[in-house]
Structures are given as structure tokens and as C-alpha cells.
Amino acid sequence: MLNSRIKRQFPLHLMILPGFLLVFIFSYIPILGNVIAFQKFTPTGGFFNSAWIGWGNFHYVFSLPDFNQVLWNTVFIALMKIVAGLVVPITISLLLNEVSKVFIKRGIQTLIYLPHFLSWIILGGIMIDILSPSQGIVNQFLGLLGIDPILFLGNIKWFPFVLVISDVWKEFGFSTIVFLAALTAINPSLYEAANIDGANRWKQTWHITLPGMLPIIILMATLSLGNVLNAGFDQVFNLYSPSVYQSGDIMDTLIYRIGMLDAQYGVSTAIGFFKSIISLLFISVSYWLAYRFANYRIF
């Protein structure tokens, strides 16, 4: 019986093999490169001939004068993106679910989904034009209201919020589709019963729709917590400047400057290793919380 089962499932395992090899080669083998975090790495010396310095790179990183500020910026921006990245698509999906005209609903879905396919190189240029102090449409509108032009991309107070709003604009269309798919799994008879009992649309949303979406909301939130130290390198790199380093510099951009520009490979790897450990802890805790309070299981 076991042999027949293996023969029956063998083609399925062959289908998995290419994906497994890709993940192993590009995701697991590079983990060995974390040894650089404990070396004074030089490209000529490689992994085996570079001097071993133990925790030296970590001591250097944690003693950097701006490291605490960079860490705070990363967590602050990432958490705002996580919260906004859940609230906005959930709200939009609930509103779209009330649209009765299918062609209008599909048209709106397409329009809000399009930015997801654009790179931050393109969207960065668009944001720079839109937020320009002199010719940008946002400041022109503010001028009509009697408000002086705001340097959104050069002001340390405004820059983190520009990052969050632009990131939500780019990605909420994709998340909205996920939540709309969750809505289709809710039994329509529940709404019919609630309607007979006299529940209005708000009560139906609160007591039927949101509880029905809860497993997907928990899943999306759990997956997001693993990226709590990923505030979006592509976005920040294309929008920031030295004038907003105080509030916009994140760990990934710090890694880029230290590793690529200053060629301190061991130090930059130490920062990346630190990020990975913290992310692992966060996603482990999030899975435990999902299981503890929502009875959510991975499998």
C-alpha cells in the first residue's frame, strides 16, 4: 500500500522539485553568508581567509551615533504601514461589496490595482512631481486654500507620512482583492436571516461581515508583523535625501550606505543579521498570538 501511494504521488513530488531547488539555492544557501557578520570581510580573502572578529561588527553597529534613530524610524514607518495597510483595504473592500453595479465595481478594482504593478522608480518620479513645492498639484491645491507650499519630501515631519500614504496608495488595491475574496466565502443566508430579524447594513457588517473576514485579517496581520523591520528600501531610496535622514533613514538604506558605498561588508551583514533575528521573533510571536486569541493555525 505504501509503495502504491509513493508511485501515485511521485509525479506531484516531481512538480514540487523545481520550486524546492529554487528556494534552496536562492534562499537557504545564502544564509551561509551570515558568517560575514562575524568577520572583517574582504573580497580578496573570502569566507575562509577573512579575519574572525566575533561580535566586533555588532558592537560597532550598536555604537553608531544614529543607529537608535534609524531603528526607531524603521519601526515607526513599518508599523504605520502595517496598520494603514490593513485598515484602508478592509474599508475599501467593505465599500466595494456594497456596490451593486458589477461593471462599476470591476472598474474601481482595476483602477486601484494598477499602481501595484509599477516600480518605485516610476512612482517615485510621479510623487516628486505631484509633491513639488512650486508645480506640484498638491501644493497648487493648498495654495487655493491660502496655505503656503509644503516641502513634503524635504521636511523631516512630513516625510514619514508621505512614505506611508504613498505605500498604501500603491499596495491597497492588491490587499483589497484578497479581502473581497474573503467576503465571497461568507454564507449569504446569514445576511438573509439578519435582514429578516431587522438588522441594518451596519449591524450586518459588524456582526457578520467582519467576523467572516477575521481569519484573513489575522493571516494578513500575522504575515505583516514579520516585516516590521522592512520599511521599504525601494520606496525610501527613491524618495529620500540627506535633508530627511533624521526621520526617513531606515535600516535598509543604512545597510546600503555602509555596505555598498563604504564597502564595510561585515558591518552591513551584521545589521542584516540583526534584522533577521528580530523579524523571526516577531513573526513567531504573531503566530502564537493568532493561535492563542483567534484559534488560527498554519495547517
C-alpha atoms as a PDB file:
ATOM      1  CA  MET A   1       0.000   0.000   0.000  1.00  0.00           C
ATOM      2  CA  LEU A   2       2.829   2.360   0.857  1.00  0.00           C
ATOM      3  CA  ASN A   3       4.583   1.611  -2.433  1.00  0.00           C
ATOM      4  CA  SER A   4       1.418   2.285  -4.437  1.00  0.00           C
ATOM      5  CA  ARG A   5       0.930   5.558  -2.590  1.00  0.00           C
ATOM      6  CA  ILE A   6       4.505   6.625  -3.344  1.00  0.00           C
ATOM      7  CA  LYS A   7       4.077   5.743  -7.014  1.00  0.00           C
ATOM      8  CA  ARG A   8       0.826   7.666  -7.160  1.00  0.00           C
ATOM      9  CA  GLN A   9       2.303  10.785  -5.545  1.00  0.00           C
ATOM     10  CA  PHE A  10       5.675  10.651  -7.300  1.00  0.00           C
ATOM     11  CA  PRO A  11       4.599  12.943 -10.209  1.00  0.00           C
ATOM     12  CA  LEU A  12       3.400  15.501  -7.669  1.00  0.00           C
ATOM     13  CA  HIS A  13       6.775  15.473  -5.931  1.00  0.00           C
ATOM     14  CA  LEU A  14       8.475  15.982  -9.287  1.00  0.00           C
ATOM     15  CA  MET A  15       6.329  19.066  -9.801  1.00  0.00           C
ATOM     16  CA  ILE A  16       7.466  20.417  -6.429  1.00  0.00           C
ATOM     17  CA  LEU A  17      11.156  19.733  -7.138  1.00  0.00           C
ATOM     18  CA  PRO A  18      11.910  22.839  -9.311  1.00  0.00           C
ATOM     19  CA  GLY A  19      10.369  25.161  -6.734  1.00  0.00           C
ATOM     20  CA  PHE A  20      12.209  23.395  -3.930  1.00  0.00           C
ATOM     21  CA  LEU A  21      15.528  23.751  -5.769  1.00  0.00           C
ATOM     22  CA  LEU A  22      14.942  27.447  -6.417  1.00  0.00           C
ATOM     23  CA  VAL A  23      14.124  28.131  -2.773  1.00  0.00           C
ATOM     24  CA  PHE A  24      17.095  26.057  -1.590  1.00  0.00           C
ATOM     25  CA  ILE A  25      19.571  27.734  -3.936  1.00  0.00           C
ATOM     26  CA  PHE A  26      18.412  31.327  -3.568  1.00  0.00           C
ATOM     27  CA  SER A  27      17.030  31.360  -0.003  1.00  0.00           C
ATOM     28  CA  TYR A  28      18.839  28.734   2.074  1.00  0.00           C
ATOM     29  CA  ILE A  29      22.367  28.611   0.670  1.00  0.00           C
ATOM     30  CA  PRO A  30      22.798  32.426   1.025  1.00  0.00           C
ATOM     31  CA  ILE A  31      22.166  32.012   4.767  1.00  0.00           C
ATOM     32  CA  LEU A  32      25.739  30.734   4.986  1.00  0.00           C
ATOM     33  CA  GLY A  33      26.843  34.238   4.040  1.00  0.00           C
ATOM     34  CA  ASN A  34      25.834  35.445   7.510  1.00  0.00           C
ATOM     35  CA  VAL A  35      29.296  34.325   8.623  1.00  0.00           C
ATOM     36  CA  ILE A  36      30.479  37.658   7.186  1.00  0.00           C
ATOM     37  CA  ALA A  37      28.790  39.373  10.148  1.00  0.00           C
ATOM     38  CA  PHE A  38      31.475  37.853  12.403  1.00  0.00           C
ATOM     39  CA  GLN A  39      34.443  38.609  10.144  1.00  0.00           C
ATOM     40  CA  LYS A  40      36.453  41.566   8.966  1.00  0.00           C
ATOM     41  CA  PHE A  41      35.460  40.521   5.487  1.00  0.00           C
ATOM     42  CA  THR A  42      37.446  41.403   2.403  1.00  0.00           C
ATOM     43  CA  PRO A  43      36.512  40.258  -1.123  1.00  0.00           C
ATOM     44  CA  THR A  44      40.082  39.026  -1.693  1.00  0.00           C
ATOM     45  CA  GLY A  45      40.044  36.943   1.486  1.00  0.00           C
ATOM     46  CA  GLY A  46      36.580  35.470   1.025  1.00  0.00           C
ATOM     47  CA  PHE A  47      34.772  33.448   3.678  1.00  0.00           C
ATOM     48  CA  PHE A  48      37.773  31.314   4.614  1.00  0.00           C
ATOM     49  CA  ASN A  49      40.650  33.801   4.723  1.00  0.00           C
ATOM     50  CA  SER A  50      38.977  36.863   6.262  1.00  0.00           C
ATOM     51  CA  ALA A  51      39.884  37.668   9.870  1.00  0.00           C
ATOM     52  CA  TRP A  52      37.428  36.420  12.510  1.00  0.00           C
ATOM     53  CA  ILE A  53      36.422  39.226  14.904  1.00  0.00           C
ATOM     54  CA  GLY A  54      33.423  37.661  16.674  1.00  0.00           C
ATOM     55  CA  TRP A  55      30.903  40.253  17.879  1.00  0.00           C
ATOM     56  CA  GLY A  56      33.058  43.180  16.812  1.00  0.00           C
ATOM     57  CA  ASN A  57      30.813  44.234  13.949  1.00  0.00           C
ATOM     58  CA  PHE A  58      27.748  44.176  16.206  1.00  0.00           C
ATOM     59  CA  HIS A  59      29.490  46.313  18.824  1.00  0.00           C
ATOM     60  CA  TYR A  60      30.384  48.781  16.093  1.00  0.00           C
ATOM     61  CA  VAL A  61      26.814  48.883  14.757  1.00  0.00           C
ATOM     62  CA  PHE A  62      25.186  49.411  18.152  1.00  0.00           C
ATOM     63  CA  SER A  63      27.697  52.174  18.968  1.00  0.00           C
ATOM     64  CA  LEU A  64      26.868  54.186  15.831  1.00  0.00           C
ATOM     65  CA  PRO A  65      25.508  57.580  16.943  1.00  0.00           C
ATOM     66  CA  ASP A  66      22.495  57.430  14.621  1.00  0.00           C
ATOM     67  CA  PHE A  67      21.661  53.712  14.946  1.00  0.00           C
ATOM     68  CA  ASN A  68      18.924  54.201  17.569  1.00  0.00           C
ATOM     69  CA  GLN A  69      17.283  56.859  15.431  1.00  0.00           C
ATOM     70  CA  VAL A  70      17.458  54.641  12.336  1.00  0.00           C
ATOM     71  CA  LEU A  71      15.940  51.740  14.297  1.00  0.00           C
ATOM     72  CA  TRP A  72      13.139  53.966  15.568  1.00  0.00           C
ATOM     73  CA  ASN A  73      12.461  55.298  12.058  1.00  0.00           C
ATOM     74  CA  THR A  74      12.265  51.768  10.698  1.00  0.00           C
ATOM     75  CA  VAL A  75       9.844  50.502  13.350  1.00  0.00           C
ATOM     76  CA  PHE A  76       7.710  53.657  13.280  1.00  0.00           C
ATOM     77  CA  ILE A  77       7.323  53.724   9.494  1.00  0.00           C
ATOM     78  CA  ALA A  78       6.817  49.953   9.224  1.00  0.00           C
ATOM     79  CA  LEU A  79       4.131  49.863  11.939  1.00  0.00           C
ATOM     80  CA  MET A  80       2.259  52.759  10.356  1.00  0.00           C
ATOM     81  CA  LYS A  81       2.367  50.930   7.026  1.00  0.00           C
ATOM     82  CA  ILE A  82       1.101  47.712   8.628  1.00  0.00           C
ATOM     83  CA  VAL A  83      -1.848  49.446  10.329  1.00  0.00           C
ATOM     84  CA  ALA A  84      -2.782  51.592   7.318  1.00  0.00           C
ATOM     85  CA  GLY A  85      -2.200  48.631   5.004  1.00  0.00           C
ATOM     86  CA  LEU A  86      -4.912  46.721   6.861  1.00  0.00           C
ATOM     87  CA  VAL A  87      -7.422  49.457   7.678  1.00  0.00           C
ATOM     88  CA  VAL A  88      -7.609  51.010   4.202  1.00  0.00           C
ATOM     89  CA  PRO A  89      -8.119  47.818   2.122  1.00  0.00           C
ATOM     90  CA  ILE A  90     -10.607  46.409   4.647  1.00  0.00           C
ATOM     91  CA  THR A  91     -12.605  49.637   4.463  1.00  0.00           C
ATOM     92  CA  ILE A  92     -12.447  49.789   0.653  1.00  0.00           C
ATOM     93  CA  SER A  93     -13.425  46.118   0.309  1.00  0.00           C
ATOM     94  CA  LEU A  94     -16.463  46.679   2.555  1.00  0.00           C
ATOM     95  CA  LEU A  95     -17.490  49.695   0.477  1.00  0.00           C
ATOM     96  CA  LEU A  96     -16.979  47.874  -2.816  1.00  0.00           C
ATOM     97  CA  ASN A  97     -19.019  44.983  -1.503  1.00  0.00           C
ATOM     98  CA  GLU A  98     -21.999  47.356  -1.286  1.00  0.00           C
ATOM     99  CA  VAL A  99     -21.714  48.383  -4.958  1.00  0.00           C
ATOM    100  CA  SER A 100     -24.473  46.629  -6.891  1.00  0.00           C
ATOM    101  CA  LYS A 101     -23.311  47.500 -10.421  1.00  0.00           C
ATOM    102  CA  VAL A 102     -20.759  44.853 -11.370  1.00  0.00           C
ATOM    103  CA  PHE A 103     -19.060  46.897 -14.111  1.00  0.00           C
ATOM    104  CA  ILE A 104     -18.524  49.824 -11.712  1.00  0.00           C
ATOM    105  CA  LYS A 105     -17.159  47.500  -9.064  1.00  0.00           C
ATOM    106  CA  ARG A 106     -14.764  45.808 -11.502  1.00  0.00           C
ATOM    107  CA  GLY A 107     -13.668  49.155 -12.926  1.00  0.00           C
ATOM    108  CA  ILE A 108     -12.793  50.534  -9.493  1.00  0.00           C
ATOM    109  CA  GLN A 109     -10.910  47.334  -8.632  1.00  0.00           C
ATOM    110  CA  THR A 110      -8.842  47.643 -11.800  1.00  0.00           C
ATOM    111  CA  LEU A 111      -8.012  51.312 -11.215  1.00  0.00           C
ATOM    112  CA  ILE A 112      -6.870  50.854  -7.613  1.00  0.00           C
ATOM    113  CA  TYR A 113      -4.911  47.694  -8.514  1.00  0.00           C
ATOM    114  CA  LEU A 114      -2.834  49.300 -11.299  1.00  0.00           C
ATOM    115  CA  PRO A 115      -0.219  51.060  -9.054  1.00  0.00           C
ATOM    116  CA  HIS A 116       0.759  47.662  -7.650  1.00  0.00           C
ATOM    117  CA  PHE A 117       2.402  46.804 -10.983  1.00  0.00           C
ATOM    118  CA  LEU A 118       4.517  49.988 -11.137  1.00  0.00           C
ATOM    119  CA  SER A 119       8.020  50.075  -9.678  1.00  0.00           C
ATOM    120  CA  TRP A 120       9.056  52.683  -7.152  1.00  0.00           C
ATOM    121  CA  ILE A 121      11.374  54.198  -9.755  1.00  0.00           C
ATOM    122  CA  ILE A 122       8.280  55.205 -11.732  1.00  0.00           C
ATOM    123  CA  LEU A 123       6.125  56.035  -8.731  1.00  0.00           C
ATOM    124  CA  GLY A 124       8.996  57.941  -7.116  1.00  0.00           C
ATOM    125  CA  GLY A 125       9.125  60.270 -10.119  1.00  0.00           C
ATOM    126  CA  ILE A 126       5.352  60.661 -10.002  1.00  0.00           C
ATOM    127  CA  MET A 127       5.439  61.503  -6.286  1.00  0.00           C
ATOM    128  CA  ILE A 128       8.227  64.052  -6.796  1.00  0.00           C
ATOM    129  CA  ASP A 129       6.153  65.787  -9.481  1.00  0.00           C
ATOM    130  CA  ILE A 130       2.911  65.674  -7.503  1.00  0.00           C
ATOM    131  CA  LEU A 131       4.532  66.995  -4.304  1.00  0.00           C
ATOM    132  CA  SER A 132       6.770  69.608  -5.945  1.00  0.00           C
ATOM    133  CA  PRO A 133       6.704  72.869  -3.898  1.00  0.00           C
ATOM    134  CA  SER A 134       6.231  75.025  -6.998  1.00  0.00           C
ATOM    135  CA  GLN A 135       4.480  72.985  -9.718  1.00  0.00           C
ATOM    136  CA  GLY A 136       3.045  70.045  -7.762  1.00  0.00           C
ATOM    137  CA  ILE A 137      -0.711  69.613  -7.888  1.00  0.00           C
ATOM    138  CA  VAL A 138      -0.926  69.129  -4.106  1.00  0.00           C
ATOM    139  CA  ASN A 139       0.754  72.446  -3.289  1.00  0.00           C
ATOM    140  CA  GLN A 140      -1.245  74.193  -6.013  1.00  0.00           C
ATOM    141  CA  PHE A 141      -4.421  72.985  -4.337  1.00  0.00           C
ATOM    142  CA  LEU A 142      -3.128  74.092  -0.931  1.00  0.00           C
ATOM    143  CA  GLY A 143      -2.366  77.490  -2.450  1.00  0.00           C
ATOM    144  CA  LEU A 144      -6.024  77.856  -3.461  1.00  0.00           C
ATOM    145  CA  LEU A 145      -6.868  77.364   0.211  1.00  0.00           C
ATOM    146  CA  GLY A 146      -4.384  80.045   1.255  1.00  0.00           C
ATOM    147  CA  ILE A 147      -1.822  77.567   2.644  1.00  0.00           C
ATOM    148  CA  ASP A 148       1.871  78.141   1.969  1.00  0.00           C
ATOM    149  CA  PRO A 149       3.693  75.463  -0.087  1.00  0.00           C
ATOM    150  CA  ILE A 150       4.946  72.491   1.951  1.00  0.00           C
ATOM    151  CA  LEU A 151       8.230  70.757   1.192  1.00  0.00           C
ATOM    152  CA  PHE A 152       6.812  67.249   1.700  1.00  0.00           C
ATOM    153  CA  LEU A 153       9.945  65.375   0.587  1.00  0.00           C
ATOM    154  CA  GLY A 154      12.353  67.698   2.383  1.00  0.00           C
ATOM    155  CA  ASN A 155      10.645  68.146   5.730  1.00  0.00           C
ATOM    156  CA  ILE A 156      11.506  65.658   8.475  1.00  0.00           C
ATOM    157  CA  LYS A 157       7.997  65.906   9.978  1.00  0.00           C
ATOM    158  CA  TRP A 158       6.103  65.246   6.747  1.00  0.00           C
ATOM    159  CA  PHE A 159       8.391  62.705   5.097  1.00  0.00           C
ATOM    160  CA  PRO A 160       7.411  59.562   7.129  1.00  0.00           C
ATOM    161  CA  PHE A 161       3.720  60.216   6.454  1.00  0.00           C
ATOM    162  CA  VAL A 162       4.410  60.700   2.745  1.00  0.00           C
ATOM    163  CA  LEU A 163       6.043  57.252   2.781  1.00  0.00           C
ATOM    164  CA  VAL A 164       3.041  55.651   4.473  1.00  0.00           C
ATOM    165  CA  ILE A 165       0.401  57.317   2.288  1.00  0.00           C
ATOM    166  CA  SER A 166       2.245  56.589  -0.960  1.00  0.00           C
ATOM    167  CA  ASP A 167       2.858  52.966   0.064  1.00  0.00           C
ATOM    168  CA  VAL A 168      -0.834  52.479   0.871  1.00  0.00           C
ATOM    169  CA  TRP A 169      -1.761  54.068  -2.467  1.00  0.00           C
ATOM    170  CA  LYS A 170       0.473  51.581  -4.263  1.00  0.00           C
ATOM    171  CA  GLU A 171      -0.487  48.397  -2.435  1.00  0.00           C
ATOM    172  CA  PHE A 172      -4.018  48.697  -1.058  1.00  0.00           C
ATOM    173  CA  GLY A 173      -5.539  47.551  -4.353  1.00  0.00           C
ATOM    174  CA  PHE A 174      -3.860  44.156  -4.068  1.00  0.00           C
ATOM    175  CA  SER A 175      -4.931  43.702  -0.451  1.00  0.00           C
ATOM    176  CA  THR A 176      -8.460  44.794  -1.319  1.00  0.00           C
ATOM    177  CA  ILE A 177      -8.754  41.906  -3.776  1.00  0.00           C
ATOM    178  CA  VAL A 178      -7.685  39.496  -1.028  1.00  0.00           C
ATOM    179  CA  PHE A 179     -10.367  40.793   1.341  1.00  0.00           C
ATOM    180  CA  LEU A 180     -13.011  40.806  -1.394  1.00  0.00           C
ATOM    181  CA  ALA A 181     -12.214  37.148  -1.980  1.00  0.00           C
ATOM    182  CA  ALA A 182     -12.738  36.536   1.737  1.00  0.00           C
ATOM    183  CA  LEU A 183     -16.162  38.178   1.503  1.00  0.00           C
ATOM    184  CA  THR A 184     -17.302  35.672  -1.127  1.00  0.00           C
ATOM    185  CA  ALA A 185     -16.801  32.843   1.385  1.00  0.00           C
ATOM    186  CA  ILE A 186     -19.431  34.245   3.761  1.00  0.00           C
ATOM    187  CA  ASN A 187     -22.734  32.356   3.605  1.00  0.00           C
ATOM    188  CA  PRO A 188     -25.422  34.653   2.044  1.00  0.00           C
ATOM    189  CA  SER A 189     -28.089  33.002   4.187  1.00  0.00           C
ATOM    190  CA  LEU A 190     -26.595  34.761   7.210  1.00  0.00           C
ATOM    191  CA  TYR A 191     -27.423  38.143   5.681  1.00  0.00           C
ATOM    192  CA  GLU A 192     -30.929  36.950   4.783  1.00  0.00           C
ATOM    193  CA  ALA A 193     -31.556  35.810   8.351  1.00  0.00           C
ATOM    194  CA  ALA A 194     -30.174  39.076   9.746  1.00  0.00           C
ATOM    195  CA  ASN A 195     -32.339  41.077   7.360  1.00  0.00           C
ATOM    196  CA  ILE A 196     -35.434  39.184   8.475  1.00  0.00           C
ATOM    197  CA  ASP A 197     -34.508  39.927  12.091  1.00  0.00           C
ATOM    198  CA  GLY A 198     -34.363  43.644  11.264  1.00  0.00           C
ATOM    199  CA  ALA A 199     -30.590  44.172  11.285  1.00  0.00           C
ATOM    200  CA  ASN A 200     -29.490  47.148   9.199  1.00  0.00           C
ATOM    201  CA  ARG A 201     -26.416  47.156   6.926  1.00  0.00           C
ATOM    202  CA  TRP A 202     -24.133  48.489   9.668  1.00  0.00           C
ATOM    203  CA  LYS A 203     -25.156  45.737  12.108  1.00  0.00           C
ATOM    204  CA  GLN A 204     -24.795  43.111   9.377  1.00  0.00           C
ATOM    205  CA  THR A 205     -21.293  44.388   8.633  1.00  0.00           C
ATOM    206  CA  TRP A 206     -20.298  44.425  12.292  1.00  0.00           C
ATOM    207  CA  HIS A 207     -21.763  41.056  13.287  1.00  0.00           C
ATOM    208  CA  ILE A 208     -21.471  39.024  10.054  1.00  0.00           C
ATOM    209  CA  THR A 209     -19.051  40.536   7.544  1.00  0.00           C
ATOM    210  CA  LEU A 210     -16.153  41.445   9.822  1.00  0.00           C
ATOM    211  CA  PRO A 211     -16.265  38.156  11.807  1.00  0.00           C
ATOM    212  CA  GLY A 212     -16.369  36.294   8.492  1.00  0.00           C
ATOM    213  CA  MET A 213     -13.286  38.188   7.311  1.00  0.00           C
ATOM    214  CA  LEU A 214     -11.459  37.700  10.609  1.00  0.00           C
ATOM    215  CA  PRO A 215      -9.332  34.666   9.581  1.00  0.00           C
ATOM    216  CA  ILE A 216      -7.961  36.510   6.541  1.00  0.00           C
ATOM    217  CA  ILE A 217      -7.409  39.688   8.564  1.00  0.00           C
ATOM    218  CA  ILE A 218      -5.442  37.686  11.131  1.00  0.00           C
ATOM    219  CA  LEU A 219      -3.433  35.995   8.386  1.00  0.00           C
ATOM    220  CA  MET A 220      -2.535  39.304   6.710  1.00  0.00           C
ATOM    221  CA  ALA A 221      -1.653  40.918  10.042  1.00  0.00           C
ATOM    222  CA  THR A 222       0.474  37.931  11.044  1.00  0.00           C
ATOM    223  CA  LEU A 223       2.405  37.970   7.788  1.00  0.00           C
ATOM    224  CA  SER A 224       2.867  41.746   8.070  1.00  0.00           C
ATOM    225  CA  LEU A 225       4.452  41.541  11.523  1.00  0.00           C
ATOM    226  CA  GLY A 226       7.330  39.554  10.048  1.00  0.00           C
ATOM    227  CA  ASN A 227       8.211  42.676   8.033  1.00  0.00           C
ATOM    228  CA  VAL A 228       8.238  45.032  10.994  1.00  0.00           C
ATOM    229  CA  LEU A 229      11.869  45.979  10.244  1.00  0.00           C
ATOM    230  CA  ASN A 230      11.280  46.249   6.489  1.00  0.00           C
ATOM    231  CA  ALA A 231      10.081  49.788   5.932  1.00  0.00           C
ATOM    232  CA  GLY A 232      10.544  49.600   2.155  1.00  0.00           C
ATOM    233  CA  PHE A 233      14.028  50.151   0.743  1.00  0.00           C
ATOM    234  CA  ASP A 234      12.933  50.768  -2.865  1.00  0.00           C
ATOM    235  CA  GLN A 235      10.466  53.433  -1.840  1.00  0.00           C
ATOM    236  CA  VAL A 236      12.690  55.247   0.647  1.00  0.00           C
ATOM    237  CA  PHE A 237      15.753  55.104  -1.602  1.00  0.00           C
ATOM    238  CA  ASN A 238      13.865  56.767  -4.468  1.00  0.00           C
ATOM    239  CA  LEU A 239      12.271  59.476  -2.321  1.00  0.00           C
ATOM    240  CA  TYR A 240      14.652  60.408   0.477  1.00  0.00           C
ATOM    241  CA  SER A 241      17.554  62.844   0.612  1.00  0.00           C
ATOM    242  CA  PRO A 242      20.156  63.839   3.240  1.00  0.00           C
ATOM    243  CA  SER A 243      17.792  66.553   4.497  1.00  0.00           C
ATOM    244  CA  VAL A 244      15.340  63.918   5.800  1.00  0.00           C
ATOM    245  CA  TYR A 245      17.803  61.329   7.114  1.00  0.00           C
ATOM    246  CA  GLN A 246      16.715  62.170  10.663  1.00  0.00           C
ATOM    247  CA  SER A 247      13.182  60.848  10.127  1.00  0.00           C
ATOM    248  CA  GLY A 248      13.444  58.866   6.872  1.00  0.00           C
ATOM    249  CA  ASP A 249      16.656  56.868   7.148  1.00  0.00           C
ATOM    250  CA  ILE A 250      15.845  53.193   7.750  1.00  0.00           C
ATOM    251  CA  MET A 251      17.941  50.100   8.357  1.00  0.00           C
ATOM    252  CA  ASP A 252      17.947  49.028   4.713  1.00  0.00           C
ATOM    253  CA  THR A 253      19.234  52.388   3.498  1.00  0.00           C
ATOM    254  CA  LEU A 254      21.833  52.339   6.280  1.00  0.00           C
ATOM    255  CA  ILE A 255      22.925  48.884   5.093  1.00  0.00           C
ATOM    256  CA  TYR A 256      23.189  50.215   1.549  1.00  0.00           C
ATOM    257  CA  ARG A 257      25.396  53.163   2.507  1.00  0.00           C
ATOM    258  CA  ILE A 258      27.626  51.151   4.831  1.00  0.00           C
ATOM    259  CA  GLY A 259      27.881  48.051   2.659  1.00  0.00           C
ATOM    260  CA  MET A 260      27.763  49.321  -0.905  1.00  0.00           C
ATOM    261  CA  LEU A 261      29.146  52.854  -0.622  1.00  0.00           C
ATOM    262  CA  ASP A 262      31.613  52.426   2.260  1.00  0.00           C
ATOM    263  CA  ALA A 263      32.455  48.766   1.448  1.00  0.00           C
ATOM    264  CA  GLN A 264      32.080  47.692   5.115  1.00  0.00           C
ATOM    265  CA  TYR A 265      30.603  44.323   4.243  1.00  0.00           C
ATOM    266  CA  GLY A 266      30.897  42.788   7.713  1.00  0.00           C
ATOM    267  CA  VAL A 267      29.098  45.693   9.370  1.00  0.00           C
ATOM    268  CA  SER A 268      26.273  45.754   6.829  1.00  0.00           C
ATOM    269  CA  THR A 269      25.828  41.974   7.149  1.00  0.00           C
ATOM    270  CA  ALA A 270      25.676  42.342  10.944  1.00  0.00           C
ATOM    271  CA  ILE A 271      22.788  44.807  10.563  1.00  0.00           C
ATOM    272  CA  GLY A 272      21.010  42.438   8.176  1.00  0.00           C
ATOM    273  CA  PHE A 273      21.536  39.514  10.571  1.00  0.00           C
ATOM    274  CA  PHE A 274      20.127  41.597  13.423  1.00  0.00           C
ATOM    275  CA  LYS A 275      17.070  42.397  11.277  1.00  0.00           C
ATOM    276  CA  SER A 276      16.512  38.718  10.500  1.00  0.00           C
ATOM    277  CA  ILE A 277      16.615  37.682  14.152  1.00  0.00           C
ATOM    278  CA  ILE A 278      14.151  40.397  15.217  1.00  0.00           C
ATOM    279  CA  SER A 279      11.808  39.555  12.317  1.00  0.00           C
ATOM    280  CA  LEU A 280      11.902  35.849  13.251  1.00  0.00           C
ATOM    281  CA  LEU A 281      10.948  36.701  16.832  1.00  0.00           C
ATOM    282  CA  PHE A 282       8.108  38.965  15.736  1.00  0.00           C
ATOM    283  CA  ILE A 283       6.574  36.505  13.303  1.00  0.00           C
ATOM    284  CA  SER A 284       6.866  33.689  15.869  1.00  0.00           C
ATOM    285  CA  VAL A 285       5.083  35.790  18.480  1.00  0.00           C
ATOM    286  CA  SER A 286       2.437  36.825  15.937  1.00  0.00           C
ATOM    287  CA  TYR A 287       1.678  33.195  15.053  1.00  0.00           C
ATOM    288  CA  TRP A 288       1.380  32.382  18.764  1.00  0.00           C
ATOM    289  CA  LEU A 289      -0.984  35.323  19.333  1.00  0.00           C
ATOM    290  CA  ALA A 290      -3.065  34.289  16.311  1.00  0.00           C
ATOM    291  CA  TYR A 291      -3.372  30.770  17.728  1.00  0.00           C
ATOM    292  CA  ARG A 292      -3.951  31.960  21.302  1.00  0.00           C
ATOM    293  CA  PHE A 293      -6.656  34.575  20.680  1.00  0.00           C
ATOM    294  CA  ALA A 294      -8.187  33.569  17.326  1.00  0.00           C
ATOM    295  CA  ASN A 295      -7.559  29.821  17.200  1.00  0.00           C
ATOM    296  CA  TYR A 296      -5.697  30.352  13.932  1.00  0.00           C
ATOM    297  CA  ARG A 297      -3.451  27.503  12.769  1.00  0.00           C
ATOM    298  CA  ILE A 298      -0.910  27.435   9.948  1.00  0.00           C
ATOM    299  CA  PHE A 299      -2.058  23.980   8.870  1.00  0.00           C
END
